Amino acid sequence: MLAMILAAALVTQEPVQAPAPMWRSRPVPEFPAKALMDGVEAADVRLDCLLTADGRFSDCQIVADTRPDYAFAQEALRAAQKASAAPREENGIAVPGRVRFEIRFRLG
């Protein structure tokens, strides 16, 4: 009975929040051309990515996109592939882990 109560408690706990990366080289996205032509001045895209032990991003998922009608998410994904960050370490050894970050697009 106690094991069932503990198991239920573990299932209902909030998931651990993925940390923000410590940048080596930040993502530098391009502003989508169609957004420029349509007068869009800002957008935000939040990504959840695997940060590999060598500091590269892979398996990125779009968590939020304030302008899904434009290609901001695709530009954010492309920029993340070119960026790098310091991986988490355990016992002095770099290990992969998930991270979350936001890429902000602004004109001006």
Protein backbone atom coordinates (compact mmCIF):
# COMPACT_ATOMS: atom_id res chain seq x y z
CA MET A 1 0.00 0.00 0.00
CA LEU A 2 2.78 2.45 0.92
CA ALA A 3 4.57 1.67 -2.36
CA MET A 4 1.43 2.55 -4.32
CA ILE A 5 1.08 5.88 -2.49
CA LEU A 6 4.76 6.73 -3.15
CA ALA A 7 4.43 5.78 -6.82
CA ALA A 8 1.38 8.00 -7.20
CA ALA A 9 3.24 10.89 -5.57
CA LEU A 10 6.17 10.47 -7.96
CA VAL A 11 3.90 10.51 -11.00
CA THR A 12 2.18 13.75 -9.97
CA GLN A 13 5.37 15.74 -9.26
CA GLU A 14 6.19 18.64 -11.56
CA PRO A 15 8.87 17.81 -14.14
CA VAL A 16 12.34 19.20 -13.52
CA GLN A 17 12.81 22.45 -15.44
CA ALA A 18 15.45 22.27 -18.14
CA PRO A 19 18.23 24.79 -17.43
CA ALA A 20 19.28 27.60 -19.76
CA PRO A 21 22.57 27.03 -21.60
CA MET A 22 25.85 28.80 -20.83
CA TRP A 23 26.71 30.08 -24.29
CA ARG A 24 30.03 29.60 -26.08
CA SER A 25 28.56 31.06 -29.27
CA ARG A 26 25.01 32.35 -29.28
CA PRO A 27 22.48 31.54 -31.99
CA VAL A 28 22.32 34.25 -34.66
CA PRO A 29 19.09 33.77 -36.63
CA GLU A 30 18.06 35.65 -39.75
CA PHE A 31 14.83 37.60 -39.73
CA PRO A 32 12.43 35.82 -42.13
CA ALA A 33 12.02 37.72 -45.43
CA LYS A 34 8.23 37.33 -45.52
CA ALA A 35 7.96 38.78 -42.02
CA LEU A 36 10.04 41.77 -43.12
CA MET A 37 7.84 42.33 -46.16
CA ASP A 38 4.68 42.08 -44.04
CA GLY A 39 5.96 44.58 -41.45
CA VAL A 40 6.36 42.13 -38.57
CA GLU A 41 8.80 43.67 -36.07
CA ALA A 42 9.16 41.02 -33.36
CA ALA A 43 8.72 37.35 -32.51
CA ASP A 44 9.93 34.90 -29.86
CA VAL A 45 10.66 31.19 -30.26
CA ARG A 46 11.36 28.90 -27.30
CA LEU A 47 13.32 25.71 -27.98
CA ASP A 48 14.03 22.58 -25.97
CA CYS A 49 17.22 20.90 -27.20
CA LEU A 50 19.65 18.17 -26.33
CA LEU A 51 23.01 19.77 -25.53
CA THR A 52 25.58 17.14 -26.43
CA ALA A 53 28.76 16.47 -24.44
CA ASP A 54 30.75 18.41 -27.07
CA GLY A 55 28.53 21.49 -26.68
CA ARG A 56 26.39 21.22 -29.82
CA PHE A 57 22.60 21.29 -29.99
CA SER A 58 20.56 18.44 -31.45
CA ASP A 59 17.04 17.04 -31.25
CA CYS A 60 15.58 20.54 -30.87
CA GLN A 61 11.84 20.83 -30.35
CA ILE A 62 9.76 24.00 -30.68
CA VAL A 63 8.11 24.69 -27.32
CA ALA A 64 6.55 28.07 -28.18
CA ASP A 65 6.34 30.34 -31.21
CA THR A 66 4.65 33.75 -30.97
CA ARG A 67 4.36 34.07 -34.78
CA PRO A 68 3.74 30.58 -36.18
CA ASP A 69 2.40 32.11 -39.39
CA TYR A 70 5.98 33.06 -40.36
CA ALA A 71 9.23 31.06 -40.52
CA PHE A 72 10.66 32.26 -37.18
CA ALA A 73 10.71 28.74 -35.70
CA GLN A 74 12.61 27.35 -38.70
CA GLU A 75 15.16 30.19 -38.44
CA ALA A 76 15.55 29.55 -34.70
CA LEU A 77 16.17 25.84 -35.34
CA ARG A 78 18.72 26.66 -38.03
CA ALA A 79 20.51 29.12 -35.74
CA ALA A 80 20.58 26.62 -32.86
CA GLN A 81 22.41 24.11 -35.08
CA LYS A 82 25.26 26.63 -35.51
CA ALA A 83 25.46 27.69 -31.84
CA SER A 84 27.35 26.03 -29.00
CA ALA A 85 27.27 26.02 -25.20
CA ALA A 86 29.13 24.56 -22.26
CA PRO A 87 27.71 21.12 -21.40
CA ARG A 88 26.85 20.10 -17.87
CA GLU A 89 29.56 18.19 -16.04
CA GLU A 90 29.37 15.26 -13.66
CA ASN A 91 32.55 14.32 -11.81
CA GLY A 92 34.53 16.53 -14.20
CA ILE A 93 33.17 14.80 -17.31
CA ALA A 94 30.96 16.58 -19.86
CA VAL A 95 27.56 14.91 -20.17
CA PRO A 96 24.62 15.55 -22.51
CA GLY A 97 21.44 17.06 -21.15
CA ARG A 98 18.31 18.92 -22.22
CA VAL A 99 18.25 22.73 -22.15
CA ARG A 100 15.59 25.33 -22.91
CA PHE A 101 16.16 28.78 -24.32
CA GLU A 102 14.35 31.53 -26.16
CA ILE A 103 15.45 33.23 -29.35
CA ARG A 104 14.09 36.75 -29.72
CA PHE A 105 13.69 38.34 -33.11
CA ARG A 106 13.63 42.15 -33.09
CA LEU A 107 14.00 44.78 -35.77
CA GLY A 108 15.91 47.95 -35.03
